[in-house]
Amino acid sequence: MRVKLSSEAQQDIQAQIAYLRGRTNSGIASFRDTVRRGLTLVRSQPDARFTDSKIPIRGAKRVIVDGWYFDYDVIEGSIWVHRITSSVNTPSFHYDDDADYEVDK
């Protein structure tokens, strides 16, 4: 299956690399390796995940590689990675769980 990164996942990767730049070259290499292994895992085993009520995207799946959360969905034959966040520094999300998306009047 093809793995696609959302713009948020791409921003997560770039933000971590920017944070590590100038601090530790080995940290950047290690992080890139973690991302590579995480994406390889979801590509080769998209069902090797667990669902968690704490995942901020309803229906999303999650794998954890070296303390990094990979939140993703399988959509129309592709794997969409929504976020790549640290288990230590996971952003807080507000998720509107209005399943029918009706507008209140």
PDB file of N, CA and C in Angstrom:
ATOM      1  N   MET A   1       0.831  -1.183   0.000  1.00  0.00           N
ATOM      2  CA  MET A   1       0.000   0.000   0.000  1.00  0.00           C
ATOM      3  C   MET A   1       0.876   1.247   0.000  1.00  0.00           C
ATOM      4  N   ARG A   2       0.381   2.273  -0.602  1.00  0.00           N
ATOM      5  CA  ARG A   2       1.102   3.543  -0.648  1.00  0.00           C
ATOM      6  C   ARG A   2       0.831   4.338   0.634  1.00  0.00           C
ATOM      7  N   VAL A   3       1.883   4.926   1.195  1.00  0.00           N
ATOM      8  CA  VAL A   3       1.759   5.753   2.392  1.00  0.00           C
ATOM      9  C   VAL A   3       1.852   7.213   1.991  1.00  0.00           C
ATOM     10  N   LYS A   4       0.879   7.995   2.436  1.00  0.00           N
ATOM     11  CA  LYS A   4       0.859   9.433   2.162  1.00  0.00           C
ATOM     12  C   LYS A   4       0.885  10.175   3.485  1.00  0.00           C
ATOM     13  N   LEU A   5       1.593  11.287   3.519  1.00  0.00           N
ATOM     14  CA  LEU A   5       1.687  12.104   4.721  1.00  0.00           C
ATOM     15  C   LEU A   5       0.790  13.325   4.580  1.00  0.00           C
ATOM     16  N   SER A   6      -0.030  13.586   5.584  1.00  0.00           N
ATOM     17  CA  SER A   6      -0.820  14.814   5.592  1.00  0.00           C
ATOM     18  C   SER A   6       0.118  15.999   5.772  1.00  0.00           C
ATOM     19  N   SER A   7      -0.385  17.176   5.509  1.00  0.00           N
ATOM     20  CA  SER A   7       0.453  18.365   5.703  1.00  0.00           C
ATOM     21  C   SER A   7       0.849  18.503   7.169  1.00  0.00           C
ATOM     22  N   GLU A   8      -0.031  18.092   8.093  1.00  0.00           N
ATOM     23  CA  GLU A   8       0.296  18.155   9.514  1.00  0.00           C
ATOM     24  C   GLU A   8       1.430  17.191   9.863  1.00  0.00           C
ATOM     25  N   ALA A   9       1.401  15.980   9.291  1.00  0.00           N
ATOM     26  CA  ALA A   9       2.475  15.015   9.542  1.00  0.00           C
ATOM     27  C   ALA A   9       3.797  15.537   8.988  1.00  0.00           C
ATOM     28  N   GLN A  10       3.764  16.150   7.820  1.00  0.00           N
ATOM     29  CA  GLN A  10       4.981  16.732   7.249  1.00  0.00           C
ATOM     30  C   GLN A  10       5.507  17.853   8.142  1.00  0.00           C
ATOM     31  N   GLN A  11       4.592  18.663   8.679  1.00  0.00           N
ATOM     32  CA  GLN A  11       4.997  19.738   9.593  1.00  0.00           C
ATOM     33  C   GLN A  11       5.574  19.168  10.880  1.00  0.00           C
ATOM     34  N   ASP A  12       4.999  18.061  11.368  1.00  0.00           N
ATOM     35  CA  ASP A  12       5.535  17.419  12.575  1.00  0.00           C
ATOM     36  C   ASP A  12       6.978  16.995  12.359  1.00  0.00           C
ATOM     37  N   ILE A  13       7.259  16.389  11.212  1.00  0.00           N
ATOM     38  CA  ILE A  13       8.616  15.938  10.899  1.00  0.00           C
ATOM     39  C   ILE A  13       9.561  17.127  10.800  1.00  0.00           C
ATOM     40  N   GLN A  14       9.164  18.146  10.057  1.00  0.00           N
ATOM     41  CA  GLN A  14      10.024  19.316   9.873  1.00  0.00           C
ATOM     42  C   GLN A  14      10.271  20.055  11.189  1.00  0.00           C
ATOM     43  N   ALA A  15       9.252  20.117  12.040  1.00  0.00           N
ATOM     44  CA  ALA A  15       9.419  20.798  13.329  1.00  0.00           C
ATOM     45  C   ALA A  15      10.429  20.066  14.206  1.00  0.00           C
ATOM     46  N   GLN A  16      10.379  18.740  14.211  1.00  0.00           N
ATOM     47  CA  GLN A  16      11.334  17.983  15.019  1.00  0.00           C
ATOM     48  C   GLN A  16      12.755  18.118  14.476  1.00  0.00           C
ATOM     49  N   ILE A  17      12.890  18.067  13.162  1.00  0.00           N
ATOM     50  CA  ILE A  17      14.224  18.230  12.567  1.00  0.00           C
ATOM     51  C   ILE A  17      14.761  19.636  12.850  1.00  0.00           C
ATOM     52  N   ALA A  18      13.895  20.641  12.739  1.00  0.00           N
ATOM     53  CA  ALA A  18      14.319  22.014  13.035  1.00  0.00           C
ATOM     54  C   ALA A  18      14.753  22.142  14.497  1.00  0.00           C
ATOM     55  N   TYR A  19      14.026  21.478  15.384  1.00  0.00           N
ATOM     56  CA  TYR A  19      14.383  21.506  16.804  1.00  0.00           C
ATOM     57  C   TYR A  19      15.763  20.864  17.033  1.00  0.00           C
ATOM     58  N   LEU A  20      16.014  19.749  16.362  1.00  0.00           N
ATOM     59  CA  LEU A  20      17.271  19.020  16.563  1.00  0.00           C
ATOM     60  C   LEU A  20      18.462  19.643  15.836  1.00  0.00           C
ATOM     61  N   ARG A  21      18.183  20.406  14.769  1.00  0.00           N
ATOM     62  CA  ARG A  21      19.264  20.996  13.971  1.00  0.00           C
ATOM     63  C   ARG A  21      20.113  21.908  14.859  1.00  0.00           C
ATOM     64  N   GLY A  22      21.409  21.720  14.787  1.00  0.00           N
ATOM     65  CA  GLY A  22      22.317  22.526  15.590  1.00  0.00           C
ATOM     66  C   GLY A  22      22.526  21.972  16.986  1.00  0.00           C
ATOM     67  N   ARG A  23      21.688  21.027  17.392  1.00  0.00           N
ATOM     68  CA  ARG A  23      21.842  20.421  18.709  1.00  0.00           C
ATOM     69  C   ARG A  23      22.549  19.073  18.612  1.00  0.00           C
ATOM     70  N   THR A  24      22.071  18.241  17.670  1.00  0.00           N
ATOM     71  CA  THR A  24      22.621  16.896  17.576  1.00  0.00           C
ATOM     72  C   THR A  24      22.373  16.290  16.202  1.00  0.00           C
ATOM     73  N   ASN A  25      23.443  16.064  15.471  1.00  0.00           N
ATOM     74  CA  ASN A  25      23.306  15.434  14.156  1.00  0.00           C
ATOM     75  C   ASN A  25      22.861  13.981  14.286  1.00  0.00           C
ATOM     76  N   SER A  26      23.356  13.292  15.318  1.00  0.00           N
ATOM     77  CA  SER A  26      22.952  11.901  15.501  1.00  0.00           C
ATOM     78  C   SER A  26      21.472  11.812  15.875  1.00  0.00           C
ATOM     79  N   GLY A  27      20.959  12.829  16.554  1.00  0.00           N
ATOM     80  CA  GLY A  27      19.535  12.868  16.888  1.00  0.00           C
ATOM     81  C   GLY A  27      18.671  12.991  15.649  1.00  0.00           C
ATOM     82  N   ILE A  28      19.125  13.794  14.697  1.00  0.00           N
ATOM     83  CA  ILE A  28      18.396  13.934  13.432  1.00  0.00           C
ATOM     84  C   ILE A  28      18.391  12.610  12.686  1.00  0.00           C
ATOM     85  N   ALA A  29      19.546  11.957  12.622  1.00  0.00           N
ATOM     86  CA  ALA A  29      19.633  10.663  11.936  1.00  0.00           C
ATOM     87  C   ALA A  29      18.756   9.629  12.624  1.00  0.00           C
ATOM     88  N   SER A  30      18.756   9.633  13.947  1.00  0.00           N
ATOM     89  CA  SER A  30      17.941   8.693  14.712  1.00  0.00           C
ATOM     90  C   SER A  30      16.454   8.949  14.477  1.00  0.00           C
ATOM     91  N   PHE A  31      16.048  10.221  14.481  1.00  0.00           N
ATOM     92  CA  PHE A  31      14.642  10.560  14.246  1.00  0.00           C
ATOM     93  C   PHE A  31      14.216  10.157  12.835  1.00  0.00           C
ATOM     94  N   ARG A  32      15.054  10.453  11.842  1.00  0.00           N
ATOM     95  CA  ARG A  32      14.722  10.066  10.467  1.00  0.00           C
ATOM     96  C   ARG A  32      14.592   8.550  10.347  1.00  0.00           C
ATOM     97  N   ASP A  33      15.434   7.809  11.049  1.00  0.00           N
ATOM     98  CA  ASP A  33      15.346   6.348  11.046  1.00  0.00           C
ATOM     99  C   ASP A  33      14.036   5.891  11.693  1.00  0.00           C
ATOM    100  N   THR A  34      13.641   6.539  12.781  1.00  0.00           N
ATOM    101  CA  THR A  34      12.381   6.201  13.444  1.00  0.00           C
ATOM    102  C   THR A  34      11.207   6.446  12.507  1.00  0.00           C
ATOM    103  N   VAL A  35      11.201   7.577  11.805  1.00  0.00           N
ATOM    104  CA  VAL A  35      10.132   7.880  10.854  1.00  0.00           C
ATOM    105  C   VAL A  35      10.121   6.834   9.743  1.00  0.00           C
ATOM    106  N   ARG A  36      11.264   6.510   9.226  1.00  0.00           N
ATOM    107  CA  ARG A  36      11.368   5.506   8.158  1.00  0.00           C
ATOM    108  C   ARG A  36      10.804   4.154   8.620  1.00  0.00           C
ATOM    109  N   ARG A  37      11.185   3.743   9.834  1.00  0.00           N
ATOM    110  CA  ARG A  37      10.699   2.463  10.358  1.00  0.00           C
ATOM    111  C   ARG A  37       9.199   2.501  10.637  1.00  0.00           C
ATOM    112  N   GLY A  38       8.716   3.635  11.144  1.00  0.00           N
ATOM    113  CA  GLY A  38       7.277   3.770  11.392  1.00  0.00           C
ATOM    114  C   GLY A  38       6.471   3.688  10.114  1.00  0.00           C
ATOM    115  N   LEU A  39       6.921   4.386   9.075  1.00  0.00           N
ATOM    116  CA  LEU A  39       6.209   4.365   7.799  1.00  0.00           C
ATOM    117  C   LEU A  39       6.298   2.992   7.145  1.00  0.00           C
ATOM    118  N   THR A  40       7.440   2.323   7.293  1.00  0.00           N
ATOM    119  CA  THR A  40       7.581   0.962   6.767  1.00  0.00           C
ATOM    120  C   THR A  40       6.618   0.019   7.482  1.00  0.00           C
ATOM    121  N   LEU A  41       6.485   0.182   8.792  1.00  0.00           N
ATOM    122  CA  LEU A  41       5.576  -0.664   9.562  1.00  0.00           C
ATOM    123  C   LEU A  41       4.130  -0.483   9.123  1.00  0.00           C
ATOM    124  N   VAL A  42       3.672   0.761   9.018  1.00  0.00           N
ATOM    125  CA  VAL A  42       2.272   0.951   8.626  1.00  0.00           C
ATOM    126  C   VAL A  42       2.041   0.530   7.178  1.00  0.00           C
ATOM    127  N   ARG A  43       3.049   0.637   6.323  1.00  0.00           N
ATOM    128  CA  ARG A  43       2.917   0.210   4.928  1.00  0.00           C
ATOM    129  C   ARG A  43       2.815  -1.316   4.842  1.00  0.00           C
ATOM    130  N   SER A  44       3.691  -2.001   5.548  1.00  0.00           N
ATOM    131  CA  SER A  44       3.741  -3.460   5.426  1.00  0.00           C
ATOM    132  C   SER A  44       2.711  -4.161   6.299  1.00  0.00           C
ATOM    133  N   GLN A  45       2.319  -3.541   7.390  1.00  0.00           N
ATOM    134  CA  GLN A  45       1.373  -4.160   8.329  1.00  0.00           C
ATOM    135  C   GLN A  45       0.345  -3.127   8.800  1.00  0.00           C
ATOM    136  N   PRO A  46      -0.540  -2.674   7.926  1.00  0.00           N
ATOM    137  CA  PRO A  46      -1.471  -1.614   8.335  1.00  0.00           C
ATOM    138  C   PRO A  46      -2.415  -2.019   9.465  1.00  0.00           C
ATOM    139  N   ASP A  47      -2.526  -3.322   9.712  1.00  0.00           N
ATOM    140  CA  ASP A  47      -3.372  -3.766  10.816  1.00  0.00           C
ATOM    141  C   ASP A  47      -2.577  -4.043  12.092  1.00  0.00           C
ATOM    142  N   ALA A  48      -1.274  -3.776  12.074  1.00  0.00           N
ATOM    143  CA  ALA A  48      -0.433  -3.965  13.265  1.00  0.00           C
ATOM    144  C   ALA A  48      -0.547  -2.728  14.135  1.00  0.00           C
ATOM    145  N   ARG A  49      -1.715  -2.416  14.543  1.00  0.00           N
ATOM    146  CA  ARG A  49      -1.983  -1.175  15.272  1.00  0.00           C
ATOM    147  C   ARG A  49      -2.960  -1.460  16.394  1.00  0.00           C
ATOM    148  N   PHE A  50      -3.210  -0.439  17.151  1.00  0.00           N
ATOM    149  CA  PHE A  50      -4.298  -0.514  18.106  1.00  0.00           C
ATOM    150  C   PHE A  50      -5.064   0.782  18.029  1.00  0.00           C
ATOM    151  N   THR A  51      -6.328   0.693  18.367  1.00  0.00           N
ATOM    152  CA  THR A  51      -7.109   1.917  18.451  1.00  0.00           C
ATOM    153  C   THR A  51      -7.098   2.338  19.906  1.00  0.00           C
ATOM    154  N   ASP A  52      -7.233   3.591  20.113  1.00  0.00           N
ATOM    155  CA  ASP A  52      -7.109   4.146  21.448  1.00  0.00           C
ATOM    156  C   ASP A  52      -8.075   5.319  21.528  1.00  0.00           C
ATOM    157  N   SER A  53      -8.890   5.339  22.558  1.00  0.00           N
ATOM    158  CA  SER A  53      -9.852   6.427  22.691  1.00  0.00           C
ATOM    159  C   SER A  53      -9.161   7.773  22.849  1.00  0.00           C
ATOM    160  N   LYS A  54      -7.859   7.766  23.147  1.00  0.00           N
ATOM    161  CA  LYS A  54      -7.127   9.021  23.307  1.00  0.00           C
ATOM    162  C   LYS A  54      -6.629   9.578  21.976  1.00  0.00           C
ATOM    163  N   ILE A  55      -6.758   8.799  20.889  1.00  0.00           N
ATOM    164  CA  ILE A  55      -6.342   9.302  19.585  1.00  0.00           C
ATOM    165  C   ILE A  55      -7.329  10.398  19.195  1.00  0.00           C
ATOM    166  N   PRO A  56      -6.845  11.571  18.868  1.00  0.00           N
ATOM    167  CA  PRO A  56      -7.741  12.705  18.646  1.00  0.00           C
ATOM    168  C   PRO A  56      -8.522  12.661  17.337  1.00  0.00           C
ATOM    169  N   ILE A  57      -8.249  11.704  16.477  1.00  0.00           N
ATOM    170  CA  ILE A  57      -8.943  11.621  15.190  1.00  0.00           C
ATOM    171  C   ILE A  57      -9.802  10.367  15.222  1.00  0.00           C
ATOM    172  N   ARG A  58     -11.116  10.536  15.236  1.00  0.00           N
ATOM    173  CA  ARG A  58     -12.029   9.406  15.365  1.00  0.00           C
ATOM    174  C   ARG A  58     -11.768   8.372  14.277  1.00  0.00           C
ATOM    175  N   GLY A  59     -11.654   7.118  14.677  1.00  0.00           N
ATOM    176  CA  GLY A  59     -11.451   6.038  13.730  1.00  0.00           C
ATOM    177  C   GLY A  59     -10.011   5.808  13.325  1.00  0.00           C
ATOM    178  N   ALA A  60      -9.114   6.690  13.742  1.00  0.00           N
ATOM    179  CA  ALA A  60      -7.710   6.551  13.358  1.00  0.00           C
ATOM    180  C   ALA A  60      -7.069   5.388  14.105  1.00  0.00           C
ATOM    181  N   LYS A  61      -6.014   4.915  13.540  1.00  0.00           N
ATOM    182  CA  LYS A  61      -5.224   3.845  14.135  1.00  0.00           C
ATOM    183  C   LYS A  61      -3.894   4.438  14.578  1.00  0.00           C
ATOM    184  N   ARG A  62      -3.206   3.720  15.457  1.00  0.00           N
ATOM    185  CA  ARG A  62      -1.945   4.253  15.975  1.00  0.00           C
ATOM    186  C   ARG A  62      -0.940   3.131  16.136  1.00  0.00           C
ATOM    187  N   VAL A  63       0.278   3.411  15.728  1.00  0.00           N
ATOM    188  CA  VAL A  63       1.417   2.568  16.102  1.00  0.00           C
ATOM    189  C   VAL A  63       2.406   3.475  16.822  1.00  0.00           C
ATOM    190  N   ILE A  64       3.189   2.865  17.676  1.00  0.00           N
ATOM    191  CA  ILE A  64       4.198   3.610  18.423  1.00  0.00           C
ATOM    192  C   ILE A  64       5.552   2.992  18.110  1.00  0.00           C
ATOM    193  N   VAL A  65       6.467   3.825  17.635  1.00  0.00           N
ATOM    194  CA  VAL A  65       7.823   3.392  17.316  1.00  0.00           C
ATOM    195  C   VAL A  65       8.781   4.311  18.068  1.00  0.00           C
ATOM    196  N   ASP A  66       9.565   3.728  18.953  1.00  0.00           N
ATOM    197  CA  ASP A  66      10.557   4.486  19.737  1.00  0.00           C
ATOM    198  C   ASP A  66       9.960   5.724  20.404  1.00  0.00           C
ATOM    199  N   GLY A  67       8.764   5.605  20.933  1.00  0.00           N
ATOM    200  CA  GLY A  67       8.141   6.722  21.640  1.00  0.00           C
ATOM    201  C   GLY A  67       7.480   7.751  20.741  1.00  0.00           C
ATOM    202  N   TRP A  68       7.358   7.470  19.446  1.00  0.00           N
ATOM    203  CA  TRP A  68       6.697   8.387  18.518  1.00  0.00           C
ATOM    204  C   TRP A  68       5.384   7.764  18.061  1.00  0.00           C
ATOM    205  N   TYR A  69       4.304   8.553  18.157  1.00  0.00           N
ATOM    206  CA  TYR A  69       2.983   8.110  17.723  1.00  0.00           C
ATOM    207  C   TYR A  69       2.827   8.364  16.228  1.00  0.00           C
ATOM    208  N   PHE A  70       2.379   7.366  15.512  1.00  0.00           N
ATOM    209  CA  PHE A  70       2.017   7.484  14.108  1.00  0.00           C
ATOM    210  C   PHE A  70       0.513   7.233  14.030  1.00  0.00           C
ATOM    211  N   ASP A  71      -0.283   8.300  13.867  1.00  0.00           N
ATOM    212  CA  ASP A  71      -1.736   8.197  13.772  1.00  0.00           C
ATOM    213  C   ASP A  71      -2.113   8.194  12.299  1.00  0.00           C
ATOM    214  N   TYR A  72      -2.874   7.165  11.875  1.00  0.00           N
ATOM    215  CA  TYR A  72      -3.131   6.999  10.450  1.00  0.00           C
ATOM    216  C   TYR A  72      -4.479   6.348  10.195  1.00  0.00           C
ATOM    217  N   ASP A  73      -4.914   6.424   8.948  1.00  0.00           N
ATOM    218  CA  ASP A  73      -6.123   5.774   8.449  1.00  0.00           C
ATOM    219  C   ASP A  73      -5.797   5.091   7.142  1.00  0.00           C
ATOM    220  N   VAL A  74      -6.537   4.041   6.830  1.00  0.00           N
ATOM    221  CA  VAL A  74      -6.464   3.422   5.510  1.00  0.00           C
ATOM    222  C   VAL A  74      -7.685   3.931   4.746  1.00  0.00           C
ATOM    223  N   ILE A  75      -7.423   4.682   3.673  1.00  0.00           N
ATOM    224  CA  ILE A  75      -8.499   5.312   2.901  1.00  0.00           C
ATOM    225  C   ILE A  75      -8.301   4.983   1.433  1.00  0.00           C
ATOM    226  N   GLU A  76      -9.280   4.301   0.865  1.00  0.00           N
ATOM    227  CA  GLU A  76      -9.277   3.975  -0.566  1.00  0.00           C
ATOM    228  C   GLU A  76      -7.955   3.390  -1.035  1.00  0.00           C
ATOM    229  N   GLY A  77      -7.452   2.393  -0.315  1.00  0.00           N
ATOM    230  CA  GLY A  77      -6.243   1.706  -0.740  1.00  0.00           C
ATOM    231  C   GLY A  77      -4.942   2.414  -0.423  1.00  0.00           C
ATOM    232  N   SER A  78      -4.993   3.557   0.244  1.00  0.00           N
ATOM    233  CA  SER A  78      -3.790   4.282   0.650  1.00  0.00           C
ATOM    234  C   SER A  78      -3.803   4.457   2.161  1.00  0.00           C
ATOM    235  N   ILE A  79      -2.617   4.553   2.710  1.00  0.00           N
ATOM    236  CA  ILE A  79      -2.479   4.809   4.138  1.00  0.00           C
ATOM    237  C   ILE A  79      -2.156   6.290   4.299  1.00  0.00           C
ATOM    238  N   TRP A  80      -3.010   7.003   5.009  1.00  0.00           N
ATOM    239  CA  TRP A  80      -2.811   8.424   5.266  1.00  0.00           C
ATOM    240  C   TRP A  80      -2.322   8.601   6.695  1.00  0.00           C
ATOM    241  N   VAL A  81      -1.095   9.067   6.854  1.00  0.00           N
ATOM    242  CA  VAL A  81      -0.558   9.367   8.175  1.00  0.00           C
ATOM    243  C   VAL A  81      -0.972  10.797   8.505  1.00  0.00           C
ATOM    244  N   HIS A  82      -1.767  10.934   9.578  1.00  0.00           N
ATOM    245  CA  HIS A  82      -2.286  12.255   9.958  1.00  0.00           C
ATOM    246  C   HIS A  82      -1.297  13.048  10.794  1.00  0.00           C
ATOM    247  N   ARG A  83      -0.705  12.372  11.784  1.00  0.00           N
ATOM    248  CA  ARG A  83       0.210  13.065  12.699  1.00  0.00           C
ATOM    249  C   ARG A  83       1.344  12.133  13.081  1.00  0.00           C
ATOM    250  N   ILE A  84       2.503  12.705  13.357  1.00  0.00           N
ATOM    251  CA  ILE A  84       3.634  11.990  13.933  1.00  0.00           C
ATOM    252  C   ILE A  84       4.074  12.834  15.123  1.00  0.00           C
ATOM    253  N   THR A  85       3.756  12.358  16.319  1.00  0.00           N
ATOM    254  CA  THR A  85       3.995  13.154  17.515  1.00  0.00           C
ATOM    255  C   THR A  85       4.722  12.331  18.562  1.00  0.00           C
ATOM    256  N   SER A  86       5.432  13.019  19.417  1.00  0.00           N
ATOM    257  CA  SER A  86       6.157  12.370  20.503  1.00  0.00           C
ATOM    258  C   SER A  86       5.184  11.967  21.596  1.00  0.00           C
ATOM    259  N   SER A  87       5.390  10.787  22.150  1.00  0.00           N
ATOM    260  CA  SER A  87       4.539  10.366  23.257  1.00  0.00           C
ATOM    261  C   SER A  87       4.777  11.234  24.489  1.00  0.00           C
ATOM    262  N   VAL A  88       5.897  11.927  24.522  1.00  0.00           N
ATOM    263  CA  VAL A  88       6.210  12.801  25.642  1.00  0.00           C
ATOM    264  C   VAL A  88       5.562  14.177  25.456  1.00  0.00           C
ATOM    265  N   ASN A  89       5.469  14.628  24.221  1.00  0.00           N
ATOM    266  CA  ASN A  89       5.009  15.982  23.946  1.00  0.00           C
ATOM    267  C   ASN A  89       3.883  15.961  22.905  1.00  0.00           C
ATOM    268  N   THR A  90       2.823  15.216  23.183  1.00  0.00           N
ATOM    269  CA  THR A  90       1.715  15.116  22.246  1.00  0.00           C
ATOM    270  C   THR A  90       0.853  16.369  22.342  1.00  0.00           C
ATOM    271  N   PRO A  91       0.566  17.006  21.196  1.00  0.00           N
ATOM    272  CA  PRO A  91      -0.259  18.216  21.245  1.00  0.00           C
ATOM    273  C   PRO A  91      -1.674  17.902  21.703  1.00  0.00           C
ATOM    274  N   SER A  92      -2.291  18.858  22.319  1.00  0.00           N
ATOM    275  CA  SER A  92      -3.673  18.708  22.762  1.00  0.00           C
ATOM    276  C   SER A  92      -4.596  19.117  21.620  1.00  0.00           C
ATOM    277  N   PHE A  93      -5.550  18.267  21.329  1.00  0.00           N
ATOM    278  CA  PHE A  93      -6.492  18.536  20.258  1.00  0.00           C
ATOM    279  C   PHE A  93      -7.886  18.694  20.827  1.00  0.00           C
ATOM    280  N   HIS A  94      -8.671  19.534  20.222  1.00  0.00           N
ATOM    281  CA  HIS A  94     -10.099  19.566  20.512  1.00  0.00           C
ATOM    282  C   HIS A  94     -10.768  18.905  19.321  1.00  0.00           C
ATOM    283  N   TYR A  95     -11.467  17.825  19.590  1.00  0.00           N
ATOM    284  CA  TYR A  95     -12.115  17.087  18.512  1.00  0.00           C
ATOM    285  C   TYR A  95     -13.609  17.144  18.709  1.00  0.00           C
ATOM    286  N   ASP A  96     -14.330  17.681  17.729  1.00  0.00           N
ATOM    287  CA  ASP A  96     -15.786  17.760  17.781  1.00  0.00           C
ATOM    288  C   ASP A  96     -16.335  16.411  17.343  1.00  0.00           C
ATOM    289  N   ASP A  97     -16.913  15.684  18.277  1.00  0.00           N
ATOM    290  CA  ASP A  97     -17.393  14.338  17.983  1.00  0.00           C
ATOM    291  C   ASP A  97     -18.850  14.351  17.534  1.00  0.00           C
ATOM    292  N   ASP A  98     -19.230  15.321  16.738  1.00  0.00           N
ATOM    293  CA  ASP A  98     -20.577  15.411  16.194  1.00  0.00           C
ATOM    294  C   ASP A  98     -20.642  14.515  14.963  1.00  0.00           C
ATOM    295  N   ALA A  99     -21.077  13.278  15.171  1.00  0.00           N
ATOM    296  CA  ALA A  99     -20.993  12.261  14.127  1.00  0.00           C
ATOM    297  C   ALA A  99     -21.794  12.595  12.878  1.00  0.00           C
ATOM    298  N   ASP A 100     -22.868  13.334  13.009  1.00  0.00           N
ATOM    299  CA  ASP A 100     -23.693  13.593  11.818  1.00  0.00           C
ATOM    300  C   ASP A 100     -23.397  14.940  11.167  1.00  0.00           C
ATOM    301  N   TYR A 101     -22.567  15.741  11.784  1.00  0.00           N
ATOM    302  CA  TYR A 101     -22.137  17.032  11.241  1.00  0.00           C
ATOM    303  C   TYR A 101     -23.296  17.967  10.901  1.00  0.00           C
ATOM    304  N   GLU A 102     -24.341  17.873  11.658  1.00  0.00           N
ATOM    305  CA  GLU A 102     -25.470  18.777  11.446  1.00  0.00           C
ATOM    306  C   GLU A 102     -25.152  20.127  12.096  1.00  0.00           C
ATOM    307  N   VAL A 103     -25.686  21.166  11.493  1.00  0.00           N
ATOM    308  CA  VAL A 103     -25.514  22.512  12.008  1.00  0.00           C
ATOM    309  C   VAL A 103     -26.603  22.772  13.039  1.00  0.00           C
ATOM    310  N   ASP A 104     -26.203  23.224  14.221  1.00  0.00           N
ATOM    311  CA  ASP A 104     -27.190  23.564  15.259  1.00  0.00           C
ATOM    312  C   ASP A 104     -27.917  24.836  14.833  1.00  0.00           C
ATOM    313  N   LYS A 105     -29.212  24.842  15.036  1.00  0.00           N
ATOM    314  CA  LYS A 105     -30.016  26.030  14.679  1.00  0.00           C
ATOM    315  C   LYS A 105     -30.616  26.651  15.892  1.00  0.00           C
TER     316      LYS A 105
END
